[in-house]
Amino acid sequence: MKSSRHNPALKDGDLVAAVDLGSNSFHMVVARHVLGQLRIIDRIKEHVMLADGLDADRNLSPKSAKRALDCLALFGQRLAYVKPVNVRVVATNTIRTMVNPGAFLTKAEAAIGHRIEIIAGREEARLIYLGVAHDKPPKKGKRLVIDIGGGSTEFVIGRGFEIIERESLQIGCIANLHRFFPDGKWNARQWQKAKTQIGVDMQPFVRAYRAQGWKEVYGASGTIKALSDIARHQGISDGSLTLKTLQLLRQELIDFGSMQNIRWPQISASRRHSIAGGLLTLETAFEELGIARMQTSDYALREGALFDILGRNKDHDPRLDSVKALQERYSIDTAQAQRVEDYAMVLFDQARRFWDLDAVDREALVWACKLHEIGLAVAHSQHHHHGSYLIDHSDISGFSKTEQHLIAVLIRNQRRSIHFKSLLTLTETRAIRALRCILLLRLSVLLYRSHSAESIPKLKLSVARSRLQLAIPRKWLDQHPLTRSDLENEIAYLKAADITLAIIEK
């Protein structure tokens, strides 16, 4: 299977950057590509506490939004020296649970100057594991990785760089504080009650994880590293964490009685705000999973995203494996998918400059071509609807939720009337670019409707904003009356969407 990447491979000296928009903190890491490896040269971290800004209806307060946008503008200044194709910005739990993330993302992308991908919890888990695996060289046997964020906690079992199990639960530091200790106070009874509830939340995967087993355990979050630092400073740990260590810290925390009374000098004021929720999660995880000892890792989600960029540039893109698996699972005609893809790329290259399309748009179009017939596994009637649903609601490793949804929108609009309601689920900028990719996909699918391997002449496509002109040899069109009829129907479909398609026979 061909790689979807259209950007040149990384060269020595190139900068690569990843940004993690977490529920508690925003992180940015910048690295330089040297001899096939990434050498980290800069890090920036800001305690934005985005999760604190969500109200009961999942709306973000203006104050929190401003704090986030100011931070993103700061990051954008540093990223100005990195090629856009070498930057990846991922958003996690808080942004993916907002009632209207699109409104915030439009401003956020303008502030940082780059596209922002919302990733699902399980994809977040994959990237976290990838980061830890690069920080701690894989050994023989399995390893368990736990990352406690502000809004969610990820649990991953893997071997080497291969992931075996991954889960994401809404039991992050800030989430726990709001859920169990909304007034910032706690006692032993409240703590035990909260721990019992989190244990219940973990039950769906505990048995499977215990059955898998592991030889080593790593914690990959600021909260876990903070707990390790506190324990080391108090002389009750060498830096690793055990259940006994956590119980001692928990007793001390309960004695403090509230967030305001925490007296651990090793942590900042912002960390005091989240430490109780993190310790609650970690102690419960140790008990439920039977963890004996945990080491810490300096790498997490942002480093995983960084190495994922490197992998995509080296043709080790995990998305290729995921798409191939989907093609096999749903018996997609790969020869037909490749024909549609090849022709879509011919049209893309003709329209790219005039429509200001880039490598990201090209990728989305490629994935949509490879999967455009996935809905046939459900039914031929309305298969574009079925395909869109399957892509939007599947767990597809390597893809962000943003990427998946964009592909789903393209597949939804590959035929019949253009569904503008689906385009409105995208930000305005993405919707415009998506519509242009949709037009290219529709023409490619139309031209190969017969599923024939017959060679189609290279047609000349000219485009303006909402006008397309397709020059077709009259002789070839006369020999393909069905294609002529389909093109006449396409003209009508596009006219209803205020788009003009002109067919020039020559």
Protein backbone atom coordinates (compact mmCIF):
# COMPACT_ATOMS: atom_id res chain seq x y z
CA MET A 1 0.00 0.00 0.00
CA LYS A 2 1.30 3.42 -0.93
CA SER A 3 2.11 5.95 1.74
CA SER A 4 -0.20 8.95 1.91
CA ARG A 5 2.59 11.37 2.76
CA HIS A 6 3.25 14.02 0.15
CA ASN A 7 5.76 16.08 2.09
CA PRO A 8 9.50 15.51 1.64
CA ALA A 9 11.30 13.28 4.12
CA LEU A 10 12.88 14.90 7.14
CA LYS A 11 16.41 16.14 6.57
CA ASP A 12 19.24 16.60 9.04
CA GLY A 13 18.71 19.85 10.88
CA ASP A 14 14.95 19.99 10.35
CA LEU A 15 12.91 20.98 13.39
CA VAL A 16 9.93 18.91 14.52
CA ALA A 17 7.42 19.98 17.18
CA ALA A 18 4.50 18.48 19.07
CA VAL A 19 1.98 20.27 21.27
CA ASP A 20 -0.26 18.55 23.83
CA LEU A 21 -3.33 20.55 24.84
CA GLY A 22 -4.13 18.73 28.06
CA SER A 23 -6.93 19.31 30.53
CA ASN A 24 -4.52 20.64 33.16
CA SER A 25 -1.43 21.81 31.26
CA PHE A 26 -0.41 22.70 27.72
CA HIS A 27 2.96 21.24 26.70
CA MET A 28 5.18 21.90 23.71
CA VAL A 29 8.33 20.02 22.78
CA VAL A 30 10.66 20.90 19.89
CA ALA A 31 13.29 18.54 18.51
CA ARG A 32 15.92 18.59 15.80
CA HIS A 33 16.21 15.74 13.31
CA VAL A 34 19.80 14.44 13.43
CA LEU A 35 20.97 11.27 11.64
CA GLY A 36 17.52 9.75 11.63
CA GLN A 37 16.90 10.51 15.31
CA LEU A 38 15.12 13.28 17.20
CA ARG A 39 17.12 15.39 19.64
CA ILE A 40 14.91 17.47 21.94
CA ILE A 41 16.11 21.07 22.11
CA ASP A 42 13.25 22.96 23.76
CA ARG A 43 10.25 22.48 26.03
CA ILE A 44 7.52 24.86 27.17
CA LYS A 45 4.85 24.05 29.72
CA GLU A 46 1.97 26.23 30.90
CA HIS A 47 -0.58 25.37 33.60
CA VAL A 48 -3.69 26.47 31.72
CA MET A 49 -6.13 24.37 33.83
CA LEU A 50 -8.61 24.20 30.97
CA ALA A 51 -10.81 21.62 32.71
CA ASP A 52 -11.51 24.09 35.51
CA GLY A 53 -13.12 26.39 32.96
CA LEU A 54 -15.88 23.99 31.93
CA ASP A 55 -19.28 24.52 33.52
CA ALA A 56 -21.93 21.85 34.12
CA ASP A 57 -23.12 22.20 30.52
CA ARG A 58 -19.56 21.69 29.18
CA ASN A 59 -19.21 25.29 28.03
CA LEU A 60 -15.80 26.97 28.41
CA SER A 61 -15.70 30.18 30.43
CA PRO A 62 -14.35 33.32 28.68
CA LYS A 63 -11.61 33.62 31.31
CA SER A 64 -10.34 30.08 30.69
CA ALA A 65 -10.60 30.53 26.94
CA LYS A 66 -8.47 33.68 27.10
CA ARG A 67 -5.87 31.92 29.26
CA ALA A 68 -5.70 29.10 26.71
CA LEU A 69 -5.52 31.39 23.69
CA ASP A 70 -2.78 33.51 25.28
CA CYS A 71 -0.75 30.35 25.85
CA LEU A 72 -1.31 29.17 22.27
CA ALA A 73 -0.16 32.53 20.93
CA LEU A 74 3.01 32.09 22.97
CA PHE A 75 3.53 28.62 21.52
CA GLY A 76 2.80 29.95 18.04
CA GLN A 77 5.72 32.36 18.31
CA ARG A 78 8.11 29.45 18.95
CA LEU A 79 6.56 27.34 16.21
CA ALA A 80 7.05 30.08 13.62
CA TYR A 81 10.49 28.59 12.95
CA VAL A 82 9.20 25.06 12.30
CA LYS A 83 7.79 23.92 8.96
CA PRO A 84 4.00 23.49 9.35
CA VAL A 85 4.18 19.92 8.00
CA ASN A 86 6.53 19.04 10.88
CA VAL A 87 4.17 20.29 13.60
CA ARG A 88 1.48 18.23 15.30
CA VAL A 89 -0.97 19.76 17.79
CA VAL A 90 -3.24 17.34 19.66
CA ALA A 91 -6.13 18.12 22.01
CA THR A 92 -7.33 15.70 24.67
CA ASN A 93 -10.20 15.12 27.08
CA THR A 94 -11.43 18.62 27.94
CA ILE A 95 -11.61 19.86 24.36
CA ARG A 96 -13.14 16.64 23.07
CA THR A 97 -15.91 16.87 25.71
CA MET A 98 -16.80 20.53 25.09
CA VAL A 99 -20.36 21.06 23.92
CA ASN A 100 -19.12 23.14 20.98
CA PRO A 101 -15.40 22.54 20.44
CA GLY A 102 -15.51 24.01 16.92
CA ALA A 103 -16.00 27.57 18.15
CA PHE A 104 -12.99 27.31 20.45
CA LEU A 105 -10.84 25.48 17.87
CA THR A 106 -11.32 28.20 15.27
CA LYS A 107 -9.81 30.78 17.63
CA ALA A 108 -7.23 28.33 18.98
CA GLU A 109 -5.93 27.46 15.52
CA ALA A 110 -5.69 31.14 14.64
CA ALA A 111 -3.71 31.77 17.85
CA ILE A 112 -1.18 28.97 17.40
CA GLY A 113 -1.09 29.13 13.61
CA HIS A 114 -1.56 25.39 13.10
CA ARG A 115 -4.33 22.82 12.78
CA ILE A 116 -5.41 21.15 16.00
CA GLU A 117 -6.38 17.48 16.08
CA ILE A 118 -8.79 16.21 18.72
CA ILE A 119 -7.73 12.68 19.63
CA ALA A 120 -9.80 9.95 21.27
CA GLY A 121 -8.77 8.49 24.61
CA ARG A 122 -7.50 5.24 23.08
CA GLU A 123 -5.42 7.12 20.51
CA GLU A 124 -4.07 9.23 23.38
CA ALA A 125 -3.09 5.97 25.08
CA ARG A 126 -1.25 4.81 21.95
CA LEU A 127 0.78 8.01 21.74
CA ILE A 128 1.59 7.93 25.46
CA TYR A 129 2.89 4.38 25.14
CA LEU A 130 4.95 5.37 22.08
CA GLY A 131 6.54 8.19 24.07
CA VAL A 132 7.41 5.95 27.03
CA ALA A 133 8.77 3.24 24.74
CA HIS A 134 11.23 5.74 23.27
CA ASP A 135 12.22 7.02 26.72
CA LYS A 136 12.70 3.57 28.25
CA PRO A 137 14.16 1.09 25.73
CA PRO A 138 11.84 -1.92 25.53
CA LYS A 139 12.93 -5.04 27.35
CA LYS A 140 11.73 -8.59 26.96
CA GLY A 141 8.26 -9.08 28.32
CA LYS A 142 5.25 -6.82 28.65
CA ARG A 143 5.01 -3.44 30.31
CA LEU A 144 2.11 -1.51 31.78
CA VAL A 145 2.02 2.26 31.30
CA ILE A 146 -0.32 4.58 33.21
CA ASP A 147 -0.74 8.29 32.50
CA ILE A 148 -2.95 10.43 34.75
CA GLY A 149 -4.07 13.61 33.05
CA GLY A 150 -6.39 16.36 34.14
CA GLY A 151 -9.49 14.88 32.56
CA SER A 152 -8.69 11.23 31.90
CA THR A 153 -6.32 8.40 32.76
CA GLU A 154 -4.86 6.03 30.19
CA PHE A 155 -3.86 2.41 30.85
CA VAL A 156 -1.75 0.62 28.22
CA ILE A 157 -0.13 -2.82 28.05
CA GLY A 158 2.48 -3.38 25.37
CA ARG A 159 5.50 -5.37 24.34
CA GLY A 160 8.35 -3.47 22.74
CA PHE A 161 6.66 -0.88 20.52
CA GLU A 162 3.55 -3.03 20.04
CA ILE A 163 0.38 -2.20 21.94
CA ILE A 164 -1.65 -5.12 23.28
CA GLU A 165 -4.34 -3.45 25.42
CA ARG A 166 -5.33 0.21 25.86
CA GLU A 167 -8.07 1.92 27.84
CA SER A 168 -8.99 5.49 28.74
CA LEU A 169 -11.23 6.43 31.71
CA GLN A 170 -12.66 9.78 32.81
CA ILE A 171 -10.83 9.69 36.14
CA GLY A 172 -8.26 12.45 35.74
CA CYS A 173 -6.87 14.74 38.45
CA ILE A 174 -9.23 17.65 37.88
CA ALA A 175 -12.15 15.41 36.95
CA ASN A 176 -11.80 13.56 40.27
CA LEU A 177 -11.58 16.78 42.24
CA HIS A 178 -14.81 18.09 40.71
CA ARG A 179 -16.54 14.74 41.10
CA PHE A 180 -15.56 13.75 44.63
CA PHE A 181 -14.17 16.85 46.39
CA PRO A 182 -15.93 19.84 44.78
CA ASP A 183 -15.22 22.11 47.76
CA GLY A 184 -11.52 21.20 47.79
CA LYS A 185 -11.85 19.35 51.12
CA TRP A 186 -11.71 15.65 52.02
CA ASN A 187 -11.60 13.18 54.89
CA ALA A 188 -10.89 9.45 55.23
CA ARG A 189 -14.52 8.44 54.69
CA GLN A 190 -14.89 10.51 51.53
CA TRP A 191 -11.58 9.18 50.23
CA GLN A 192 -12.63 5.54 50.69
CA LYS A 193 -15.99 6.17 49.06
CA ALA A 194 -14.31 7.83 46.07
CA LYS A 195 -11.80 5.01 45.77
CA THR A 196 -14.61 2.45 45.73
CA GLN A 197 -16.35 4.28 42.89
CA ILE A 198 -13.17 4.52 40.81
CA GLY A 199 -12.59 0.83 41.42
CA VAL A 200 -16.04 0.18 39.95
CA ASP A 201 -15.15 2.33 36.92
CA MET A 202 -12.05 0.19 36.33
CA GLN A 203 -13.80 -3.18 36.56
CA PRO A 204 -14.58 -3.59 32.83
CA PHE A 205 -10.89 -4.06 31.99
CA VAL A 206 -9.18 -5.11 35.24
CA ARG A 207 -9.60 -8.87 34.70
CA ALA A 208 -8.27 -8.74 31.13
CA TYR A 209 -5.26 -6.67 32.22
CA ARG A 210 -4.43 -8.97 35.11
CA ALA A 211 -4.66 -11.94 32.74
CA GLN A 212 -2.16 -10.30 30.37
CA GLY A 213 0.32 -9.57 33.15
CA TRP A 214 3.51 -7.49 32.85
CA LYS A 215 7.11 -7.39 33.98
CA GLU A 216 7.47 -3.65 34.54
CA VAL A 217 5.24 -0.65 35.16
CA TYR A 218 5.80 3.00 34.21
CA GLY A 219 3.95 6.16 35.19
CA ALA A 220 4.02 8.91 32.59
CA SER A 221 2.43 12.06 33.92
CA GLY A 222 3.38 15.16 35.85
CA THR A 223 1.22 14.02 38.75
CA ILE A 224 2.95 10.65 39.05
CA LYS A 225 6.37 12.28 38.81
CA ALA A 226 5.33 14.80 41.48
CA LEU A 227 4.27 11.98 43.83
CA SER A 228 7.61 10.27 43.18
CA ASP A 229 9.49 13.49 44.01
CA ILE A 230 7.53 13.97 47.25
CA ALA A 231 8.18 10.39 48.36
CA ARG A 232 11.89 10.67 47.55
CA HIS A 233 12.22 13.95 49.43
CA GLN A 234 10.54 12.42 52.50
CA GLY A 235 12.87 9.43 52.40
CA ILE A 236 10.11 6.85 51.92
CA SER A 237 11.08 5.96 48.37
CA ASP A 238 14.06 5.72 46.03
CA GLY A 239 11.92 7.36 43.34
CA SER A 240 9.85 4.32 42.49
CA LEU A 241 6.32 4.02 43.84
CA THR A 242 4.72 1.16 45.76
CA LEU A 243 1.28 0.76 47.31
CA LYS A 244 2.80 1.30 50.76
CA THR A 245 4.39 4.56 49.59
CA LEU A 246 1.10 5.77 48.17
CA GLN A 247 -0.76 4.87 51.35
CA LEU A 248 1.69 6.91 53.42
CA LEU A 249 1.24 9.90 51.09
CA ARG A 250 -2.53 9.48 51.16
CA GLN A 251 -2.62 9.51 54.96
CA GLU A 252 -0.59 12.70 55.00
CA LEU A 253 -2.88 14.24 52.40
CA ILE A 254 -5.98 13.34 54.43
CA ASP A 255 -4.35 14.92 57.48
CA PHE A 256 -3.98 18.14 55.45
CA GLY A 257 -7.75 17.98 55.02
CA SER A 258 -8.02 20.33 52.04
CA MET A 259 -6.30 21.52 48.90
CA GLN A 260 -5.45 24.84 50.51
CA ASN A 261 -3.65 23.19 53.46
CA ILE A 262 -1.28 20.97 51.43
CA ARG A 263 2.25 21.55 52.70
CA TRP A 264 4.45 19.66 50.27
CA PRO A 265 7.14 22.17 49.22
CA GLN A 266 8.21 19.96 46.28
CA ILE A 267 5.10 20.86 44.27
CA SER A 268 3.83 24.13 42.85
CA ALA A 269 0.57 25.84 43.69
CA SER A 270 -0.94 24.62 40.44
CA ARG A 271 0.09 21.04 41.22
CA ARG A 272 -1.50 21.28 44.69
CA HIS A 273 -4.73 21.89 42.82
CA SER A 274 -4.60 18.46 41.17
CA ILE A 275 -2.46 16.19 43.34
CA ALA A 276 -5.33 14.72 45.40
CA GLY A 277 -7.28 13.60 42.33
CA GLY A 278 -4.14 12.02 40.89
CA LEU A 279 -3.18 10.18 44.08
CA LEU A 280 -6.74 8.88 44.37
CA THR A 281 -6.54 7.38 40.88
CA LEU A 282 -3.07 5.93 41.34
CA GLU A 283 -3.74 4.30 44.70
CA THR A 284 -6.91 2.68 43.31
CA ALA A 285 -5.04 1.47 40.21
CA PHE A 286 -2.34 -0.13 42.36
CA GLU A 287 -4.95 -2.01 44.37
CA GLU A 288 -7.23 -3.05 41.50
CA LEU A 289 -4.46 -4.11 39.12
CA GLY A 290 -2.16 -5.57 41.77
CA ILE A 291 0.78 -3.34 40.86
CA ALA A 292 3.90 -4.05 42.91
CA ARG A 293 6.19 -1.20 41.87
CA MET A 294 6.11 1.67 39.39
CA GLN A 295 8.98 3.58 37.78
CA THR A 296 8.49 7.00 36.18
CA SER A 297 9.10 8.15 32.62
CA ASP A 298 9.97 11.65 31.48
CA TYR A 299 8.22 11.07 28.14
CA ALA A 300 4.47 11.02 27.57
CA LEU A 301 1.88 12.15 25.02
CA ARG A 302 3.77 15.06 23.43
CA GLU A 303 6.90 12.96 22.91
CA GLY A 304 4.76 10.17 21.50
CA ALA A 305 3.23 12.62 19.03
CA LEU A 306 6.74 13.81 18.17
CA PHE A 307 7.95 10.29 17.37
CA ASP A 308 4.73 9.61 15.49
CA ILE A 309 5.68 12.45 13.11
CA LEU A 310 9.06 10.78 12.62
CA GLY A 311 7.38 7.43 11.95
CA ARG A 312 5.02 8.93 9.39
CA ASN A 313 7.95 10.51 7.56
CA LYS A 314 9.83 7.21 7.53
CA ASP A 315 6.91 5.33 5.92
CA HIS A 316 6.15 3.58 9.21
CA ASP A 317 2.84 5.36 9.42
CA PRO A 318 0.56 3.31 11.73
CA ARG A 319 -2.44 4.66 9.86
CA LEU A 320 -1.48 2.58 6.83
CA ASP A 321 -1.77 -0.61 8.87
CA SER A 322 -5.13 0.52 10.27
CA VAL A 323 -6.54 1.30 6.83
CA LYS A 324 -5.30 -2.01 5.44
CA ALA A 325 -6.99 -3.80 8.36
CA LEU A 326 -10.27 -1.97 7.61
CA GLN A 327 -10.02 -2.89 3.93
CA GLU A 328 -9.60 -6.55 4.84
CA ARG A 329 -12.27 -6.57 7.56
CA TYR A 330 -14.91 -5.00 5.31
CA SER A 331 -13.82 -6.76 2.08
CA ILE A 332 -13.14 -3.51 0.26
CA ASP A 333 -12.19 -3.87 -3.42
CA THR A 334 -8.62 -2.57 -3.05
CA ALA A 335 -7.99 -2.47 -6.80
CA GLN A 336 -10.99 -0.19 -7.25
CA ALA A 337 -9.93 1.93 -4.28
CA GLN A 338 -6.47 2.33 -5.80
CA ARG A 339 -7.90 3.34 -9.19
CA VAL A 340 -10.07 6.00 -7.55
CA GLU A 341 -7.14 7.18 -5.44
CA ASP A 342 -4.75 7.42 -8.40
CA TYR A 343 -7.19 9.49 -10.41
CA ALA A 344 -8.10 11.66 -7.45
CA MET A 345 -4.41 12.49 -7.09
CA VAL A 346 -4.24 13.46 -10.77
CA LEU A 347 -7.13 15.88 -10.23
CA PHE A 348 -5.69 17.05 -6.89
CA ASP A 349 -2.39 18.01 -8.50
CA GLN A 350 -4.24 20.09 -11.10
CA ALA A 351 -6.40 21.88 -8.53
CA ARG A 352 -3.98 22.14 -5.61
CA ARG A 353 -2.42 25.52 -6.33
CA PHE A 354 -5.65 27.24 -7.34
CA TRP A 355 -7.57 25.93 -4.32
CA ASP A 356 -4.65 26.34 -1.89
CA LEU A 357 -4.77 22.68 -0.84
CA ASP A 358 -1.88 21.21 1.16
CA ALA A 359 -0.40 17.89 2.30
CA VAL A 360 -3.02 17.46 5.03
CA ASP A 361 -5.82 17.82 2.48
CA ARG A 362 -4.06 15.34 0.22
CA GLU A 363 -3.83 12.83 3.06
CA ALA A 364 -7.51 13.13 3.89
CA LEU A 365 -8.45 12.60 0.25
CA VAL A 366 -6.18 9.55 -0.01
CA TRP A 367 -7.70 7.92 3.09
CA ALA A 368 -11.21 8.65 1.83
CA CYS A 369 -10.39 7.05 -1.53
CA LYS A 370 -9.01 3.93 0.13
CA LEU A 371 -12.14 3.56 2.28
CA HIS A 372 -14.88 5.14 0.18
CA GLU A 373 -16.66 1.81 -0.42
CA ILE A 374 -16.53 0.58 3.17
CA GLY A 375 -20.29 1.13 3.52
CA LEU A 376 -21.00 -1.57 0.92
CA ALA A 377 -20.36 -4.08 3.70
CA VAL A 378 -23.66 -2.87 5.19
CA ALA A 379 -25.76 -2.30 2.07
CA HIS A 380 -25.43 -0.83 -1.42
CA SER A 381 -28.34 1.50 -0.82
CA GLN A 382 -27.06 4.63 0.94
CA HIS A 383 -23.61 3.04 1.29
CA HIS A 384 -22.04 6.51 1.56
CA HIS A 385 -24.13 7.07 4.72
CA HIS A 386 -23.11 3.69 6.16
CA GLY A 387 -19.46 4.26 5.33
CA SER A 388 -19.42 7.66 6.98
CA TYR A 389 -20.93 6.18 10.16
CA LEU A 390 -18.43 3.31 10.27
CA ILE A 391 -15.46 5.66 9.95
CA ASP A 392 -16.77 8.18 12.46
CA HIS A 393 -17.54 5.57 15.13
CA SER A 394 -14.68 3.07 14.73
CA ASP A 395 -11.56 2.93 16.85
CA ILE A 396 -8.92 3.41 14.12
CA SER A 397 -5.41 3.34 15.55
CA GLY A 398 -3.13 6.17 14.47
CA PHE A 399 -5.92 8.57 13.52
CA SER A 400 -7.14 11.49 15.59
CA LYS A 401 -10.88 12.03 16.00
CA THR A 402 -10.44 15.13 13.87
CA GLU A 403 -8.89 13.11 11.04
CA GLN A 404 -11.50 10.38 11.28
CA HIS A 405 -14.39 12.82 11.21
CA LEU A 406 -12.95 14.65 8.20
CA ILE A 407 -12.63 11.35 6.30
CA ALA A 408 -16.18 10.44 7.32
CA VAL A 409 -17.47 13.76 5.93
CA LEU A 410 -15.66 13.14 2.62
CA ILE A 411 -17.11 9.62 2.34
CA ARG A 412 -20.60 10.89 3.26
CA ASN A 413 -20.51 13.32 0.33
CA GLN A 414 -18.94 11.13 -2.37
CA ARG A 415 -22.26 10.81 -4.26
CA ARG A 416 -25.78 12.17 -4.56
CA SER A 417 -26.62 15.54 -2.95
CA ILE A 418 -23.97 17.36 -0.96
CA HIS A 419 -24.86 17.19 2.73
CA PHE A 420 -24.00 20.65 4.02
CA LYS A 421 -25.05 19.77 7.56
CA SER A 422 -22.08 17.39 7.77
CA LEU A 423 -19.73 20.14 6.53
CA LEU A 424 -21.02 22.46 9.24
CA THR A 425 -19.60 20.06 11.85
CA LEU A 426 -16.15 21.22 10.73
CA THR A 427 -14.52 24.57 11.39
CA GLU A 428 -15.09 27.11 8.62
CA THR A 429 -11.58 26.78 7.20
CA ARG A 430 -11.70 22.98 7.24
CA ALA A 431 -15.19 22.95 5.71
CA ILE A 432 -14.02 24.95 2.68
CA ARG A 433 -11.03 22.68 2.09
CA ALA A 434 -13.11 19.57 2.73
CA LEU A 435 -15.69 20.65 0.14
CA ARG A 436 -12.94 21.04 -2.45
CA CYS A 437 -11.60 17.56 -1.68
CA ILE A 438 -15.16 16.22 -1.88
CA LEU A 439 -15.54 17.57 -5.42
CA LEU A 440 -12.36 15.77 -6.48
CA LEU A 441 -13.49 12.54 -4.81
CA ARG A 442 -16.91 12.71 -6.46
CA LEU A 443 -15.42 13.07 -9.94
CA SER A 444 -12.98 10.20 -9.38
CA VAL A 445 -15.70 7.89 -8.06
CA LEU A 446 -17.97 8.86 -10.95
CA LEU A 447 -15.35 8.18 -13.62
CA TYR A 448 -14.66 4.70 -12.18
CA ARG A 449 -18.27 3.77 -11.49
CA SER A 450 -17.96 0.70 -13.73
CA HIS A 451 -15.15 -0.73 -11.53
CA SER A 452 -13.31 -1.43 -14.75
CA ALA A 453 -9.53 -1.49 -15.05
CA GLU A 454 -9.86 0.38 -18.34
CA SER A 455 -7.49 3.30 -18.59
CA ILE A 456 -9.19 6.69 -18.44
CA PRO A 457 -7.59 9.58 -20.34
CA LYS A 458 -6.08 12.31 -18.23
CA LEU A 459 -8.77 14.97 -18.17
CA LYS A 460 -7.89 18.63 -17.82
CA LEU A 461 -9.48 20.16 -14.73
CA SER A 462 -9.64 23.90 -14.22
CA VAL A 463 -11.03 25.32 -10.98
CA ALA A 464 -11.95 28.62 -9.41
CA ARG A 465 -13.67 29.15 -6.05
CA SER A 466 -16.93 27.37 -6.81
CA ARG A 467 -16.49 26.64 -10.49
CA LEU A 468 -15.03 23.57 -12.13
CA GLN A 469 -14.37 23.00 -15.79
CA LEU A 470 -13.53 19.52 -17.02
CA ALA A 471 -12.19 19.07 -20.55
CA ILE A 472 -13.01 15.59 -21.90
CA PRO A 473 -12.27 14.06 -25.33
CA ARG A 474 -15.62 13.90 -27.18
CA LYS A 475 -14.73 10.56 -28.77
CA TRP A 476 -14.10 8.94 -25.38
CA LEU A 477 -17.27 10.39 -23.92
CA ASP A 478 -19.32 9.14 -26.88
CA GLN A 479 -17.98 5.65 -26.13
CA HIS A 480 -19.09 5.93 -22.49
CA PRO A 481 -22.75 7.04 -22.48
CA LEU A 482 -23.22 6.04 -18.83
CA THR A 483 -20.40 8.38 -17.81
CA ARG A 484 -22.00 11.16 -19.86
CA SER A 485 -25.29 10.57 -18.06
CA ASP A 486 -23.57 10.51 -14.67
CA LEU A 487 -21.82 13.80 -15.45
CA GLU A 488 -25.15 15.41 -16.37
CA ASN A 489 -26.57 14.25 -13.03
CA GLU A 490 -23.47 15.55 -11.24
CA ILE A 491 -23.95 18.98 -12.83
CA ALA A 492 -27.46 19.05 -11.35
CA TYR A 493 -26.34 17.89 -7.90
CA LEU A 494 -23.63 20.55 -7.77
CA LYS A 495 -25.91 23.28 -9.12
CA ALA A 496 -28.20 22.65 -6.15
CA ALA A 497 -25.16 23.39 -3.96
CA ASP A 498 -24.33 26.61 -5.88
CA ILE A 499 -21.34 24.96 -7.53
CA THR A 500 -20.85 25.07 -11.29
CA LEU A 501 -19.45 22.14 -13.22
CA ALA A 502 -18.87 22.74 -16.94
CA ILE A 503 -18.01 19.87 -19.28
CA ILE A 504 -15.98 20.87 -22.31
CA GLU A 505 -15.93 18.29 -25.10
CA LYS A 506 -13.05 18.56 -27.50
